[in-house]
PDB file of all heavy atoms in Angstrom:
ATOM      1  N   PRO A   1      45.975  -0.281  31.434  1.00  0.00           N
ATOM      2  CA  PRO A   1      45.439  -1.610  31.055  1.00  0.00           C
ATOM      3  C   PRO A   1      46.259  -2.196  29.986  1.00  0.00           C
ATOM      4  O   PRO A   1      46.713  -1.512  29.027  1.00  0.00           O
ATOM      5  CB  PRO A   1      44.050  -1.286  30.631  1.00  0.00           C
ATOM      6  CG  PRO A   1      43.633  -0.003  31.234  1.00  0.00           C
ATOM      7  CD  PRO A   1      44.936   0.823  31.365  1.00  0.00           C
ATOM      8  N   ARG A   2      46.447  -3.463  30.026  1.00  0.00           N
ATOM      9  CA  ARG A   2      47.372  -4.137  29.062  1.00  0.00           C
ATOM     10  C   ARG A   2      46.965  -3.961  27.518  1.00  0.00           C
ATOM     11  O   ARG A   2      47.641  -3.829  26.669  1.00  0.00           O
ATOM     12  CB  ARG A   2      47.429  -5.633  29.403  1.00  0.00           C
ATOM     13  CG  ARG A   2      48.395  -6.379  28.422  1.00  0.00           C
ATOM     14  CD  ARG A   2      48.663  -7.711  28.941  1.00  0.00           C
ATOM     15  NE  ARG A   2      49.695  -8.502  28.078  1.00  0.00           N
ATOM     16  CZ  ARG A   2      51.020  -8.222  28.133  1.00  0.00           C
ATOM     17  NH1 ARG A   2      51.549  -7.472  29.086  1.00  0.00           N
ATOM     18  NH2 ARG A   2      51.803  -8.867  27.406  1.00  0.00           N
ATOM     19  N   SER A   3      45.480  -3.926  27.427  1.00  0.00           N
ATOM     20  CA  SER A   3      44.940  -3.856  26.146  1.00  0.00           C
ATOM     21  C   SER A   3      45.394  -2.522  25.485  1.00  0.00           C
ATOM     22  O   SER A   3      45.454  -2.409  24.201  1.00  0.00           O
ATOM     23  CB  SER A   3      43.424  -3.899  26.199  1.00  0.00           C
ATOM     24  OG  SER A   3      42.924  -2.853  27.010  1.00  0.00           O
ATOM     25  N   ILE A   4      45.658  -1.429  26.336  1.00  0.00           N
ATOM     26  CA  ILE A   4      46.037  -0.177  25.785  1.00  0.00           C
ATOM     27  C   ILE A   4      47.551  -0.162  25.766  1.00  0.00           C
ATOM     28  O   ILE A   4      48.195   0.289  24.691  1.00  0.00           O
ATOM     29  CB  ILE A   4      45.558   0.939  26.628  1.00  0.00           C
ATOM     30  CG1 ILE A   4      44.026   0.902  26.645  1.00  0.00           C
ATOM     31  CG2 ILE A   4      46.102   2.260  26.166  1.00  0.00           C
ATOM     32  CD1 ILE A   4      43.426   1.215  25.303  1.00  0.00           C
ATOM     33  N   PHE A   5      48.213  -0.472  26.759  1.00  0.00           N
ATOM     34  CA  PHE A   5      49.720  -0.347  26.979  1.00  0.00           C
ATOM     35  C   PHE A   5      50.506  -1.180  25.837  1.00  0.00           C
ATOM     36  O   PHE A   5      51.526  -0.663  25.372  1.00  0.00           O
ATOM     37  CB  PHE A   5      50.058  -0.801  28.412  1.00  0.00           C
ATOM     38  CG  PHE A   5      51.502  -0.387  28.693  1.00  0.00           C
ATOM     39  CD1 PHE A   5      51.765   0.825  29.270  1.00  0.00           C
ATOM     40  CD2 PHE A   5      52.549  -1.240  28.541  1.00  0.00           C
ATOM     41  CE1 PHE A   5      53.031   1.208  29.650  1.00  0.00           C
ATOM     42  CE2 PHE A   5      53.881  -0.923  28.811  1.00  0.00           C
ATOM     43  CZ  PHE A   5      54.033   0.281  29.419  1.00  0.00           C
ATOM     44  N   SER A   6      50.032  -2.380  25.570  1.00  0.00           N
ATOM     45  CA  SER A   6      50.909  -3.176  24.827  1.00  0.00           C
ATOM     46  C   SER A   6      51.006  -2.733  23.286  1.00  0.00           C
ATOM     47  O   SER A   6      51.974  -3.030  22.702  1.00  0.00           O
ATOM     48  CB  SER A   6      50.269  -4.549  24.772  1.00  0.00           C
ATOM     49  OG  SER A   6      48.918  -4.565  24.175  1.00  0.00           O
ATOM     50  N   ILE A   7      50.142  -1.918  22.811  1.00  0.00           N
ATOM     51  CA  ILE A   7      50.308  -1.492  21.478  1.00  0.00           C
ATOM     52  C   ILE A   7      50.422   0.042  21.171  1.00  0.00           C
ATOM     53  O   ILE A   7      50.609   0.457  20.050  1.00  0.00           O
ATOM     54  CB  ILE A   7      48.896  -2.050  20.733  1.00  0.00           C
ATOM     55  CG1 ILE A   7      47.739  -1.309  21.273  1.00  0.00           C
ATOM     56  CG2 ILE A   7      48.869  -3.539  20.717  1.00  0.00           C
ATOM     57  CD1 ILE A   7      46.439  -1.663  20.461  1.00  0.00           C
ATOM     58  N   HIS A   8      50.290   0.725  22.213  1.00  0.00           N
ATOM     59  CA  HIS A   8      50.349   2.223  22.084  1.00  0.00           C
ATOM     60  C   HIS A   8      51.574   2.873  22.572  1.00  0.00           C
ATOM     61  O   HIS A   8      52.151   2.431  23.644  1.00  0.00           O
ATOM     62  CB  HIS A   8      49.106   2.840  22.756  1.00  0.00           C
ATOM     63  CG  HIS A   8      47.876   2.574  22.037  1.00  0.00           C
ATOM     64  ND1 HIS A   8      47.479   3.357  20.918  1.00  0.00           N
ATOM     65  CD2 HIS A   8      46.813   1.802  22.229  1.00  0.00           C
ATOM     66  CE1 HIS A   8      46.290   2.955  20.403  1.00  0.00           C
ATOM     67  NE2 HIS A   8      45.867   2.025  21.254  1.00  0.00           N
ATOM     68  N   ALA A   9      51.908   3.988  21.943  1.00  0.00           N
ATOM     69  CA  ALA A   9      52.848   4.911  22.553  1.00  0.00           C
ATOM     70  C   ALA A   9      52.294   5.528  23.691  1.00  0.00           C
ATOM     71  O   ALA A   9      51.072   5.695  23.836  1.00  0.00           O
ATOM     72  CB  ALA A   9      53.368   5.956  21.474  1.00  0.00           C
ATOM     73  N   MET A  10      53.066   5.848  24.714  1.00  0.00           N
ATOM     74  CA  MET A  10      52.619   6.446  25.974  1.00  0.00           C
ATOM     75  C   MET A  10      53.365   7.726  26.179  1.00  0.00           C
ATOM     76  O   MET A  10      54.442   7.921  25.783  1.00  0.00           O
ATOM     77  CB  MET A  10      52.947   5.524  27.134  1.00  0.00           C
ATOM     78  CG  MET A  10      52.169   4.218  27.132  1.00  0.00           C
ATOM     79  SD  MET A  10      50.386   4.388  27.174  1.00  0.00           S
ATOM     80  CE  MET A  10      50.156   4.964  28.826  1.00  0.00           C
ATOM     81  N   GLY A  11      52.769   8.622  26.845  1.00  0.00           N
ATOM     82  CA  GLY A  11      53.336   9.904  27.115  1.00  0.00           C
ATOM     83  C   GLY A  11      53.086  10.386  28.555  1.00  0.00           C
ATOM     84  O   GLY A  11      52.118   9.962  29.179  1.00  0.00           O
ATOM     85  N   TRP A  12      54.003  11.232  29.022  1.00  0.00           N
ATOM     86  CA  TRP A  12      53.850  11.959  30.231  1.00  0.00           C
ATOM     87  C   TRP A  12      53.569  13.372  29.929  1.00  0.00           C
ATOM     88  O   TRP A  12      54.180  13.996  29.043  1.00  0.00           O
ATOM     89  CB  TRP A  12      55.111  11.936  31.185  1.00  0.00           C
ATOM     90  CG  TRP A  12      55.292  10.600  31.838  1.00  0.00           C
ATOM     91  CD1 TRP A  12      56.036   9.514  31.559  1.00  0.00           C
ATOM     92  CD2 TRP A  12      54.619  10.297  33.061  1.00  0.00           C
ATOM     93  NE1 TRP A  12      55.881   8.543  32.550  1.00  0.00           N
ATOM     94  CE2 TRP A  12      54.912   9.022  33.533  1.00  0.00           C
ATOM     95  CE3 TRP A  12      53.627  10.940  33.949  1.00  0.00           C
ATOM     96  CZ2 TRP A  12      54.461   8.454  34.736  1.00  0.00           C
ATOM     97  CZ3 TRP A  12      53.166  10.361  35.141  1.00  0.00           C
ATOM     98  CH2 TRP A  12      53.631   9.067  35.511  1.00  0.00           C
ATOM     99  N   TYR A  13      52.580  13.911  30.518  1.00  0.00           N
ATOM    100  CA  TYR A  13      52.120  15.232  30.317  1.00  0.00           C
ATOM    101  C   TYR A  13      52.077  16.029  31.625  1.00  0.00           C
ATOM    102  O   TYR A  13      52.140  15.398  32.754  1.00  0.00           O
ATOM    103  CB  TYR A  13      50.689  15.295  29.765  1.00  0.00           C
ATOM    104  CG  TYR A  13      50.439  14.518  28.519  1.00  0.00           C
ATOM    105  CD1 TYR A  13      50.400  13.156  28.584  1.00  0.00           C
ATOM    106  CD2 TYR A  13      50.311  15.143  27.321  1.00  0.00           C
ATOM    107  CE1 TYR A  13      50.115  12.389  27.441  1.00  0.00           C
ATOM    108  CE2 TYR A  13      50.101  14.460  26.123  1.00  0.00           C
ATOM    109  CZ  TYR A  13      49.968  13.021  26.190  1.00  0.00           C
ATOM    110  OH  TYR A  13      49.868  12.275  25.006  1.00  0.00           O
ATOM    111  N   ARG A  14      52.131  17.340  31.669  1.00  0.00           N
ATOM    112  CA  ARG A  14      51.994  18.082  32.873  1.00  0.00           C
ATOM    113  C   ARG A  14      51.157  19.333  32.728  1.00  0.00           C
ATOM    114  O   ARG A  14      51.036  19.856  31.599  1.00  0.00           O
ATOM    115  CB  ARG A  14      53.404  18.522  33.395  1.00  0.00           C
ATOM    116  CG  ARG A  14      54.061  19.480  32.680  1.00  0.00           C
ATOM    117  CD  ARG A  14      55.551  19.734  33.239  1.00  0.00           C
ATOM    118  NE  ARG A  14      56.110  20.897  32.651  1.00  0.00           N
ATOM    119  CZ  ARG A  14      57.527  21.192  32.881  1.00  0.00           C
ATOM    120  NH1 ARG A  14      58.141  20.432  33.737  1.00  0.00           N
ATOM    121  NH2 ARG A  14      58.002  22.280  32.291  1.00  0.00           N
ATOM    122  N   GLN A  15      50.544  19.780  33.764  1.00  0.00           N
ATOM    123  CA  GLN A  15      49.748  20.905  33.751  1.00  0.00           C
ATOM    124  C   GLN A  15      50.147  21.782  35.048  1.00  0.00           C
ATOM    125  O   GLN A  15      49.854  21.372  36.104  1.00  0.00           O
ATOM    126  CB  GLN A  15      48.279  20.770  33.695  1.00  0.00           C
ATOM    127  CG  GLN A  15      47.386  21.907  33.537  1.00  0.00           C
ATOM    128  CD  GLN A  15      45.977  21.613  33.218  1.00  0.00           C
ATOM    129  OE1 GLN A  15      45.410  20.503  33.406  1.00  0.00           O
ATOM    130  NE2 GLN A  15      45.335  22.538  32.622  1.00  0.00           N
ATOM    131  N   ALA A  16      50.678  23.010  34.680  1.00  0.00           N
ATOM    132  CA  ALA A  16      51.025  23.859  35.839  1.00  0.00           C
ATOM    133  C   ALA A  16      49.773  24.763  36.091  1.00  0.00           C
ATOM    134  O   ALA A  16      48.993  24.998  35.213  1.00  0.00           O
ATOM    135  CB  ALA A  16      52.199  24.677  35.517  1.00  0.00           C
ATOM    136  N   PRO A  17      49.705  25.304  37.297  1.00  0.00           N
ATOM    137  CA  PRO A  17      48.490  26.288  37.533  1.00  0.00           C
ATOM    138  C   PRO A  17      48.406  27.321  36.579  1.00  0.00           C
ATOM    139  O   PRO A  17      49.495  28.015  36.229  1.00  0.00           O
ATOM    140  CB  PRO A  17      48.905  26.766  39.034  1.00  0.00           C
ATOM    141  CG  PRO A  17      49.761  25.687  39.620  1.00  0.00           C
ATOM    142  CD  PRO A  17      50.545  25.212  38.428  1.00  0.00           C
ATOM    143  N   GLY A  18      47.214  27.492  35.959  1.00  0.00           N
ATOM    144  CA  GLY A  18      46.974  28.526  35.086  1.00  0.00           C
ATOM    145  C   GLY A  18      47.509  28.320  33.731  1.00  0.00           C
ATOM    146  O   GLY A  18      47.439  29.232  32.868  1.00  0.00           O
ATOM    147  N   LYS A  19      48.109  27.049  33.465  1.00  0.00           N
ATOM    148  CA  LYS A  19      48.562  26.877  32.198  1.00  0.00           C
ATOM    149  C   LYS A  19      47.831  25.749  31.548  1.00  0.00           C
ATOM    150  O   LYS A  19      47.257  24.867  32.166  1.00  0.00           O
ATOM    151  CB  LYS A  19      50.063  26.646  32.243  1.00  0.00           C
ATOM    152  CG  LYS A  19      50.900  27.782  32.725  1.00  0.00           C
ATOM    153  CD  LYS A  19      52.377  27.540  32.591  1.00  0.00           C
ATOM    154  CE  LYS A  19      53.195  28.763  32.928  1.00  0.00           C
ATOM    155  NZ  LYS A  19      54.676  28.679  32.749  1.00  0.00           N
ATOM    156  N   GLN A  20      47.998  25.538  30.257  1.00  0.00           N
ATOM    157  CA  GLN A  20      47.478  24.373  29.510  1.00  0.00           C
ATOM    158  C   GLN A  20      48.355  23.087  29.782  1.00  0.00           C
ATOM    159  O   GLN A  20      49.554  23.189  30.071  1.00  0.00           O
ATOM    160  CB  GLN A  20      47.359  24.624  28.083  1.00  0.00           C
ATOM    161  CG  GLN A  20      46.279  25.623  27.657  1.00  0.00           C
ATOM    162  CD  GLN A  20      46.117  25.743  26.148  1.00  0.00           C
ATOM    163  OE1 GLN A  20      47.051  25.521  25.306  1.00  0.00           O
ATOM    164  NE2 GLN A  20      44.911  26.098  25.718  1.00  0.00           N
ATOM    165  N   ARG A  21      47.774  21.966  29.635  1.00  0.00           N
ATOM    166  CA  ARG A  21      48.495  20.719  29.737  1.00  0.00           C
ATOM    167  C   ARG A  21      49.401  20.636  28.565  1.00  0.00           C
ATOM    168  O   ARG A  21      49.038  21.002  27.376  1.00  0.00           O
ATOM    169  CB  ARG A  21      47.479  19.570  29.838  1.00  0.00           C
ATOM    170  CG  ARG A  21      48.157  18.207  30.113  1.00  0.00           C
ATOM    171  CD  ARG A  21      47.120  17.259  30.776  1.00  0.00           C
ATOM    172  NE  ARG A  21      45.784  17.522  30.536  1.00  0.00           N
ATOM    173  CZ  ARG A  21      44.789  17.069  31.414  1.00  0.00           C
ATOM    174  NH1 ARG A  21      45.182  16.412  32.498  1.00  0.00           N
ATOM    175  NH2 ARG A  21      43.601  17.326  31.251  1.00  0.00           N
ATOM    176  N   GLU A  22      50.581  20.125  28.815  1.00  0.00           N
ATOM    177  CA  GLU A  22      51.667  19.989  27.789  1.00  0.00           C
ATOM    178  C   GLU A  22      52.336  18.667  27.858  1.00  0.00           C
ATOM    179  O   GLU A  22      52.495  18.042  28.856  1.00  0.00           O
ATOM    180  CB  GLU A  22      52.679  21.155  27.953  1.00  0.00           C
ATOM    181  CG  GLU A  22      53.459  21.132  29.330  1.00  0.00           C
ATOM    182  CD  GLU A  22      54.351  22.334  29.369  1.00  0.00           C
ATOM    183  OE1 GLU A  22      54.359  23.188  28.552  1.00  0.00           O
ATOM    184  OE2 GLU A  22      54.983  22.473  30.520  1.00  0.00           O
ATOM    185  N   LEU A  23      52.888  18.243  26.794  1.00  0.00           N
ATOM    186  CA  LEU A  23      53.520  17.024  26.588  1.00  0.00           C
ATOM    187  C   LEU A  23      54.905  17.213  27.147  1.00  0.00           C
ATOM    188  O   LEU A  23      55.605  18.134  26.795  1.00  0.00           O
ATOM    189  CB  LEU A  23      53.604  16.466  25.163  1.00  0.00           C
ATOM    190  CG  LEU A  23      54.370  15.191  24.939  1.00  0.00           C
ATOM    191  CD1 LEU A  23      53.650  14.048  25.587  1.00  0.00           C
ATOM    192  CD2 LEU A  23      54.487  15.057  23.516  1.00  0.00           C
ATOM    193  N   VAL A  24      55.375  16.327  28.070  1.00  0.00           N
ATOM    194  CA  VAL A  24      56.702  16.262  28.618  1.00  0.00           C
ATOM    195  C   VAL A  24      57.649  15.350  27.802  1.00  0.00           C
ATOM    196  O   VAL A  24      58.684  15.646  27.472  1.00  0.00           O
ATOM    197  CB  VAL A  24      56.632  15.879  30.092  1.00  0.00           C
ATOM    198  CG1 VAL A  24      58.060  15.760  30.589  1.00  0.00           C
ATOM    199  CG2 VAL A  24      55.907  16.943  30.819  1.00  0.00           C
ATOM    200  N   ALA A  25      57.111  13.987  27.613  1.00  0.00           N
ATOM    201  CA  ALA A  25      57.948  13.087  26.941  1.00  0.00           C
ATOM    202  C   ALA A  25      57.108  11.972  26.441  1.00  0.00           C
ATOM    203  O   ALA A  25      56.013  11.739  26.940  1.00  0.00           O
ATOM    204  CB  ALA A  25      59.016  12.446  27.949  1.00  0.00           C
ATOM    205  N   SER A  26      57.472  11.227  25.396  1.00  0.00           N
ATOM    206  CA  SER A  26      56.761  10.133  24.903  1.00  0.00           C
ATOM    207  C   SER A  26      57.606   8.985  24.542  1.00  0.00           C
ATOM    208  O   SER A  26      58.921   9.120  24.445  1.00  0.00           O
ATOM    209  CB  SER A  26      55.993  10.560  23.685  1.00  0.00           C
ATOM    210  OG  SER A  26      56.831  10.898  22.703  1.00  0.00           O
ATOM    211  N   ILE A  27      57.030   7.790  24.562  1.00  0.00           N
ATOM    212  CA  ILE A  27      57.859   6.565  24.279  1.00  0.00           C
ATOM    213  C   ILE A  27      56.908   5.580  23.470  1.00  0.00           C
ATOM    214  O   ILE A  27      55.784   5.335  23.798  1.00  0.00           O
ATOM    215  CB  ILE A  27      58.380   5.883  25.561  1.00  0.00           C
ATOM    216  CG1 ILE A  27      59.219   4.749  25.302  1.00  0.00           C
ATOM    217  CG2 ILE A  27      57.300   5.432  26.514  1.00  0.00           C
ATOM    218  CD1 ILE A  27      60.035   4.246  26.463  1.00  0.00           C
ATOM    219  N   THR A  28      57.504   5.130  22.319  1.00  0.00           N
ATOM    220  CA  THR A  28      56.677   4.124  21.530  1.00  0.00           C
ATOM    221  C   THR A  28      56.624   2.825  22.143  1.00  0.00           C
ATOM    222  O   THR A  28      57.353   2.522  23.126  1.00  0.00           O
ATOM    223  CB  THR A  28      57.359   4.094  20.189  1.00  0.00           C
ATOM    224  OG1 THR A  28      58.627   3.474  20.244  1.00  0.00           O
ATOM    225  CG2 THR A  28      57.458   5.476  19.434  1.00  0.00           C
ATOM    226  N   ALA A  29      55.803   1.940  21.610  1.00  0.00           N
ATOM    227  CA  ALA A  29      55.725   0.607  22.100  1.00  0.00           C
ATOM    228  C   ALA A  29      57.118  -0.084  21.893  1.00  0.00           C
ATOM    229  O   ALA A  29      57.384  -1.023  22.714  1.00  0.00           O
ATOM    230  CB  ALA A  29      54.644  -0.234  21.404  1.00  0.00           C
ATOM    231  N   GLY A  30      57.885   0.341  20.986  1.00  0.00           N
ATOM    232  CA  GLY A  30      59.284  -0.204  20.789  1.00  0.00           C
ATOM    233  C   GLY A  30      60.351   0.347  21.589  1.00  0.00           C
ATOM    234  O   GLY A  30      61.504  -0.082  21.569  1.00  0.00           O
ATOM    235  N   GLY A  31      59.907   1.396  22.281  1.00  0.00           N
ATOM    236  CA  GLY A  31      60.998   2.038  23.162  1.00  0.00           C
ATOM    237  C   GLY A  31      61.726   3.290  22.644  1.00  0.00           C
ATOM    238  O   GLY A  31      62.608   3.904  23.315  1.00  0.00           O
ATOM    239  N   SER A  32      61.259   3.805  21.502  1.00  0.00           N
ATOM    240  CA  SER A  32      61.841   5.124  20.959  1.00  0.00           C
ATOM    241  C   SER A  32      61.241   6.263  21.824  1.00  0.00           C
ATOM    242  O   SER A  32      59.998   6.330  22.058  1.00  0.00           O
ATOM    243  CB  SER A  32      61.542   5.289  19.464  1.00  0.00           C
ATOM    244  OG  SER A  32      62.172   4.330  18.760  1.00  0.00           O
ATOM    245  N   THR A  33      62.024   7.197  22.143  1.00  0.00           N
ATOM    246  CA  THR A  33      61.681   8.212  22.969  1.00  0.00           C
ATOM    247  C   THR A  33      61.865   9.636  22.406  1.00  0.00           C
ATOM    248  O   THR A  33      62.485   9.787  21.480  1.00  0.00           O
ATOM    249  CB  THR A  33      62.528   8.226  24.367  1.00  0.00           C
ATOM    250  OG1 THR A  33      63.900   8.355  23.972  1.00  0.00           O
ATOM    251  CG2 THR A  33      62.393   6.969  25.101  1.00  0.00           C
ATOM    252  N   ASN A  34      61.018  10.553  22.949  1.00  0.00           N
ATOM    253  CA  ASN A  34      61.050  11.866  22.547  1.00  0.00           C
ATOM    254  C   ASN A  34      60.756  12.847  23.726  1.00  0.00           C
ATOM    255  O   ASN A  34      59.991  12.452  24.555  1.00  0.00           O
ATOM    256  CB  ASN A  34      60.033  12.214  21.381  1.00  0.00           C
ATOM    257  CG  ASN A  34      60.426  13.406  20.589  1.00  0.00           C
ATOM    258  OD1 ASN A  34      61.522  13.968  20.677  1.00  0.00           O
ATOM    259  ND2 ASN A  34      59.533  13.782  19.680  1.00  0.00           N
ATOM    260  N   TYR A  35      61.454  13.994  23.810  1.00  0.00           N
ATOM    261  CA  TYR A  35      61.335  14.905  24.880  1.00  0.00           C
ATOM    262  C   TYR A  35      61.026  16.332  24.497  1.00  0.00           C
ATOM    263  O   TYR A  35      61.513  16.662  23.469  1.00  0.00           O
ATOM    264  CB  TYR A  35      62.582  14.806  25.723  1.00  0.00           C
ATOM    265  CG  TYR A  35      63.015  13.475  26.320  1.00  0.00           C
ATOM    266  CD1 TYR A  35      63.746  12.555  25.542  1.00  0.00           C
ATOM    267  CD2 TYR A  35      62.443  13.074  27.505  1.00  0.00           C
ATOM    268  CE1 TYR A  35      64.089  11.395  26.165  1.00  0.00           C
ATOM    269  CE2 TYR A  35      62.774  11.860  28.045  1.00  0.00           C
ATOM    270  CZ  TYR A  35      63.538  10.995  27.336  1.00  0.00           C
ATOM    271  OH  TYR A  35      63.854   9.714  27.911  1.00  0.00           O
ATOM    272  N   ALA A  36      60.281  16.954  25.374  1.00  0.00           N
ATOM    273  CA  ALA A  36      60.197  18.345  25.110  1.00  0.00           C
ATOM    274  C   ALA A  36      61.491  18.993  25.476  1.00  0.00           C
ATOM    275  O   ALA A  36      62.229  18.587  26.310  1.00  0.00           O
ATOM    276  CB  ALA A  36      59.120  18.895  26.102  1.00  0.00           C
ATOM    277  N   ASP A  37      61.748  20.195  24.833  1.00  0.00           N
ATOM    278  CA  ASP A  37      63.099  20.799  24.976  1.00  0.00           C
ATOM    279  C   ASP A  37      63.295  21.174  26.404  1.00  0.00           C
ATOM    280  O   ASP A  37      64.491  21.102  26.859  1.00  0.00           O
ATOM    281  CB  ASP A  37      63.170  22.035  24.108  1.00  0.00           C
ATOM    282  CG  ASP A  37      63.277  21.761  22.666  1.00  0.00           C
ATOM    283  OD1 ASP A  37      63.636  20.567  22.344  1.00  0.00           O
ATOM    284  OD2 ASP A  37      63.015  22.688  21.846  1.00  0.00           O
ATOM    285  N   PHE A  38      62.221  21.541  27.111  1.00  0.00           N
ATOM    286  CA  PHE A  38      62.490  22.024  28.569  1.00  0.00           C
ATOM    287  C   PHE A  38      62.792  20.952  29.524  1.00  0.00           C
ATOM    288  O   PHE A  38      63.172  21.228  30.649  1.00  0.00           O
ATOM    289  CB  PHE A  38      61.265  22.785  29.065  1.00  0.00           C
ATOM    290  CG  PHE A  38      59.937  22.121  28.755  1.00  0.00           C
ATOM    291  CD1 PHE A  38      59.530  21.147  29.798  1.00  0.00           C
ATOM    292  CD2 PHE A  38      59.119  22.382  27.877  1.00  0.00           C
ATOM    293  CE1 PHE A  38      58.307  20.518  29.623  1.00  0.00           C
ATOM    294  CE2 PHE A  38      57.860  21.769  27.644  1.00  0.00           C
ATOM    295  CZ  PHE A  38      57.511  20.808  28.570  1.00  0.00           C
ATOM    296  N   VAL A  39      62.829  19.607  29.061  1.00  0.00           N
ATOM    297  CA  VAL A  39      63.288  18.539  30.022  1.00  0.00           C
ATOM    298  C   VAL A  39      64.352  17.808  29.456  1.00  0.00           C
ATOM    299  O   VAL A  39      64.859  16.835  30.161  1.00  0.00           O
ATOM    300  CB  VAL A  39      62.034  17.622  30.401  1.00  0.00           C
ATOM    301  CG1 VAL A  39      60.939  18.429  31.093  1.00  0.00           C
ATOM    302  CG2 VAL A  39      61.653  16.845  29.177  1.00  0.00           C
ATOM    303  N   LYS A  40      64.798  18.038  28.226  1.00  0.00           N
ATOM    304  CA  LYS A  40      65.858  17.224  27.597  1.00  0.00           C
ATOM    305  C   LYS A  40      67.164  17.227  28.537  1.00  0.00           C
ATOM    306  O   LYS A  40      67.567  18.289  29.006  1.00  0.00           O
ATOM    307  CB  LYS A  40      66.133  17.821  26.186  1.00  0.00           C
ATOM    308  CG  LYS A  40      65.277  17.311  25.168  1.00  0.00           C
ATOM    309  CD  LYS A  40      65.614  17.890  23.715  1.00  0.00           C
ATOM    310  CE  LYS A  40      64.676  17.323  22.654  1.00  0.00           C
ATOM    311  NZ  LYS A  40      65.066  17.889  21.421  1.00  0.00           N
ATOM    312  N   GLY A  41      67.739  16.056  28.694  1.00  0.00           N
ATOM    313  CA  GLY A  41      68.836  16.000  29.473  1.00  0.00           C
ATOM    314  C   GLY A  41      68.699  15.846  30.967  1.00  0.00           C
ATOM    315  O   GLY A  41      69.572  15.662  31.697  1.00  0.00           O
ATOM    316  N   ARG A  42      67.406  16.128  31.351  1.00  0.00           N
ATOM    317  CA  ARG A  42      67.063  15.973  32.804  1.00  0.00           C
ATOM    318  C   ARG A  42      66.017  14.843  33.153  1.00  0.00           C
ATOM    319  O   ARG A  42      66.169  14.204  34.145  1.00  0.00           O
ATOM    320  CB  ARG A  42      66.436  17.367  33.275  1.00  0.00           C
ATOM    321  CG  ARG A  42      67.346  18.538  33.186  1.00  0.00           C
ATOM    322  CD  ARG A  42      66.769  19.717  33.865  1.00  0.00           C
ATOM    323  NE  ARG A  42      65.487  20.197  33.226  1.00  0.00           N
ATOM    324  CZ  ARG A  42      64.362  20.357  33.879  1.00  0.00           C
ATOM    325  NH1 ARG A  42      64.447  20.101  35.202  1.00  0.00           N
ATOM    326  NH2 ARG A  42      63.324  20.808  33.351  1.00  0.00           N
ATOM    327  N   PHE A  43      65.119  14.640  32.182  1.00  0.00           N
ATOM    328  CA  PHE A  43      64.086  13.628  32.432  1.00  0.00           C
ATOM    329  C   PHE A  43      64.302  12.496  31.547  1.00  0.00           C
ATOM    330  O   PHE A  43      64.831  12.633  30.412  1.00  0.00           O
ATOM    331  CB  PHE A  43      62.756  14.258  32.166  1.00  0.00           C
ATOM    332  CG  PHE A  43      62.200  15.265  33.150  1.00  0.00           C
ATOM    333  CD1 PHE A  43      63.012  15.815  34.144  1.00  0.00           C
ATOM    334  CD2 PHE A  43      60.913  15.652  33.049  1.00  0.00           C
ATOM    335  CE1 PHE A  43      62.653  16.746  34.977  1.00  0.00           C
ATOM    336  CE2 PHE A  43      60.399  16.587  33.967  1.00  0.00           C
ATOM    337  CZ  PHE A  43      61.278  17.170  34.823  1.00  0.00           C
ATOM    338  N   THR A  44      64.001  11.335  32.045  1.00  0.00           N
ATOM    339  CA  THR A  44      64.011  10.030  31.142  1.00  0.00           C
ATOM    340  C   THR A  44      62.787   9.264  31.313  1.00  0.00           C
ATOM    341  O   THR A  44      62.272   8.952  32.411  1.00  0.00           O
ATOM    342  CB  THR A  44      65.186   9.076  31.620  1.00  0.00           C
ATOM    343  OG1 THR A  44      66.467   9.919  31.605  1.00  0.00           O
ATOM    344  CG2 THR A  44      65.338   7.948  30.749  1.00  0.00           C
ATOM    345  N   ILE A  45      62.161   8.966  30.209  1.00  0.00           N
ATOM    346  CA  ILE A  45      60.926   8.142  30.147  1.00  0.00           C
ATOM    347  C   ILE A  45      61.266   6.684  29.755  1.00  0.00           C
ATOM    348  O   ILE A  45      62.334   6.528  28.943  1.00  0.00           O
ATOM    349  CB  ILE A  45      59.981   8.698  29.115  1.00  0.00           C
ATOM    350  CG1 ILE A  45      58.554   8.071  29.354  1.00  0.00           C
ATOM    351  CG2 ILE A  45      60.415   8.700  27.639  1.00  0.00           C
ATOM    352  CD1 ILE A  45      57.495   8.706  28.458  1.00  0.00           C
TER     353      ILE A  45
END
C-alpha cells in the first residue's frame, strides 16, 4: 500500500524449511541498499 511504501524502508526476507526467517536485503525510501553476506554480489534490491 502506498501509505506504507512511500515512507518506509522495505526488505526482502526468506525462510527455508526448518529454519528461521532471515533478512536478505533492504532498501530505504531514498534508495540506499544493504545485503546479507550470503547474497552480496548476486542479488539486487
